[in-house]
Amino acid sequence: MSNHQEGPVSIRIPEVVTEDGVTQYVIVVEVGSVQYKVKHRYSKFETMHSKLVEDGVEKDLLPPKKLLGSKDP
């Protein structure tokens, strides 16, 4: 039995939520008709982004934290 899904892939961050003073980004990944929805803190994005940059992904792919919704002006 395979867990491999086929079809168009999309990744988006449709909302930012704050729970108990912690801001998390809602990530929706769609592969064909399958949808995954998770919440993560910005620091998790930074860690993943650093690893992707080491593998050749563009450095400017991830916007800075302030742009994504920092509470500070």
C-alpha atoms as a PDB file:
ATOM      1  CA  MET A   1       0.000   0.000   0.000  1.00  0.00           C
ATOM      2  CA  SER A   2       1.403   3.369  -1.021  1.00  0.00           C
ATOM      3  CA  ASN A   3       0.918   6.752   0.670  1.00  0.00           C
ATOM      4  CA  HIS A   4       1.989   8.527  -2.518  1.00  0.00           C
ATOM      5  CA  GLN A   5      -0.565  11.067  -3.756  1.00  0.00           C
ATOM      6  CA  GLU A   6      -0.641  12.482  -7.270  1.00  0.00           C
ATOM      7  CA  GLY A   7      -2.113  15.670  -8.590  1.00  0.00           C
ATOM      8  CA  PRO A   8      -1.519  19.406  -8.370  1.00  0.00           C
ATOM      9  CA  VAL A   9       0.260  20.623  -5.241  1.00  0.00           C
ATOM     10  CA  SER A  10      -0.475  23.903  -3.468  1.00  0.00           C
ATOM     11  CA  ILE A  11       0.842  25.352  -0.227  1.00  0.00           C
ATOM     12  CA  ARG A  12      -0.645  28.430   1.388  1.00  0.00           C
ATOM     13  CA  ILE A  13      -0.815  30.290   4.687  1.00  0.00           C
ATOM     14  CA  PRO A  14      -4.437  31.471   4.827  1.00  0.00           C
ATOM     15  CA  GLU A  15      -4.439  32.789   8.384  1.00  0.00           C
ATOM     16  CA  VAL A  16      -2.471  33.695  11.459  1.00  0.00           C
ATOM     17  CA  VAL A  17      -3.895  32.819  14.880  1.00  0.00           C
ATOM     18  CA  THR A  18      -2.886  33.821  18.386  1.00  0.00           C
ATOM     19  CA  GLU A  19      -3.632  31.431  21.231  1.00  0.00           C
ATOM     20  CA  ASP A  20      -2.452  32.039  24.805  1.00  0.00           C
ATOM     21  CA  GLY A  21      -0.197  34.863  23.548  1.00  0.00           C
ATOM     22  CA  VAL A  22       1.543  32.613  20.981  1.00  0.00           C
ATOM     23  CA  THR A  23       1.217  33.467  17.297  1.00  0.00           C
ATOM     24  CA  GLN A  24       0.979  30.526  14.929  1.00  0.00           C
ATOM     25  CA  TYR A  25       0.664  30.365  11.162  1.00  0.00           C
ATOM     26  CA  VAL A  26      -1.922  28.036   9.640  1.00  0.00           C
ATOM     27  CA  ILE A  27      -0.387  26.084   6.747  1.00  0.00           C
ATOM     28  CA  VAL A  28      -2.589  24.299   4.228  1.00  0.00           C
ATOM     29  CA  VAL A  29      -0.973  21.796   1.859  1.00  0.00           C
ATOM     30  CA  GLU A  30      -3.089  20.261  -0.867  1.00  0.00           C
ATOM     31  CA  VAL A  31      -1.954  17.330  -3.000  1.00  0.00           C
ATOM     32  CA  GLY A  32      -4.656  16.408  -5.463  1.00  0.00           C
ATOM     33  CA  SER A  33      -7.820  15.937  -3.420  1.00  0.00           C
ATOM     34  CA  VAL A  34      -5.962  15.419  -0.110  1.00  0.00           C
ATOM     35  CA  GLN A  35      -5.610  18.391   2.254  1.00  0.00           C
ATOM     36  CA  TYR A  36      -3.335  18.763   5.275  1.00  0.00           C
ATOM     37  CA  LYS A  37      -3.787  21.666   7.706  1.00  0.00           C
ATOM     38  CA  VAL A  38      -1.281  22.393  10.483  1.00  0.00           C
ATOM     39  CA  LYS A  39      -0.302  25.307  12.741  1.00  0.00           C
ATOM     40  CA  HIS A  40       3.321  26.253  13.444  1.00  0.00           C
ATOM     41  CA  ARG A  41       5.231  29.109  15.046  1.00  0.00           C
ATOM     42  CA  TYR A  42       7.410  31.320  12.842  1.00  0.00           C
ATOM     43  CA  SER A  43      10.552  29.804  14.386  1.00  0.00           C
ATOM     44  CA  LYS A  44       9.632  26.448  12.810  1.00  0.00           C
ATOM     45  CA  PHE A  45       9.426  28.147   9.414  1.00  0.00           C
ATOM     46  CA  GLU A  46      12.867  29.693   9.974  1.00  0.00           C
ATOM     47  CA  THR A  47      14.389  26.297  10.793  1.00  0.00           C
ATOM     48  CA  MET A  48      12.846  24.643   7.732  1.00  0.00           C
ATOM     49  CA  HIS A  49      13.800  27.595   5.502  1.00  0.00           C
ATOM     50  CA  SER A  50      17.446  27.437   6.602  1.00  0.00           C
ATOM     51  CA  LYS A  51      17.609  23.767   5.664  1.00  0.00           C
ATOM     52  CA  LEU A  52      15.970  24.421   2.300  1.00  0.00           C
ATOM     53  CA  VAL A  53      18.409  27.274   1.530  1.00  0.00           C
ATOM     54  CA  GLU A  54      21.304  24.853   2.188  1.00  0.00           C
ATOM     55  CA  ASP A  55      19.742  22.627  -0.493  1.00  0.00           C
ATOM     56  CA  GLY A  56      19.491  25.443  -3.043  1.00  0.00           C
ATOM     57  CA  VAL A  57      16.113  27.101  -2.402  1.00  0.00           C
ATOM     58  CA  GLU A  58      16.089  30.900  -2.848  1.00  0.00           C
ATOM     59  CA  LYS A  59      17.050  32.745   0.327  1.00  0.00           C
ATOM     60  CA  ASP A  60      14.267  35.345  -0.093  1.00  0.00           C
ATOM     61  CA  LEU A  61      11.496  32.742  -0.351  1.00  0.00           C
ATOM     62  CA  LEU A  62      10.387  33.215   3.287  1.00  0.00           C
ATOM     63  CA  PRO A  63       9.191  36.719   4.128  1.00  0.00           C
ATOM     64  CA  PRO A  64      10.552  38.358   7.285  1.00  0.00           C
ATOM     65  CA  LYS A  65       8.638  37.808  10.525  1.00  0.00           C
ATOM     66  CA  LYS A  66       7.346  41.403  10.683  1.00  0.00           C
ATOM     67  CA  LEU A  67       5.765  41.087   7.246  1.00  0.00           C
ATOM     68  CA  LEU A  68       3.847  37.963   8.293  1.00  0.00           C
ATOM     69  CA  GLY A  69       2.193  39.648  11.237  1.00  0.00           C
ATOM     70  CA  SER A  70       4.450  40.683  14.075  1.00  0.00           C
ATOM     71  CA  LYS A  71       2.504  42.475  16.783  1.00  0.00           C
ATOM     72  CA  ASP A  72       5.131  45.233  16.865  1.00  0.00           C
ATOM     73  CA  PRO A  73       4.800  48.066  14.293  1.00  0.00           C
END
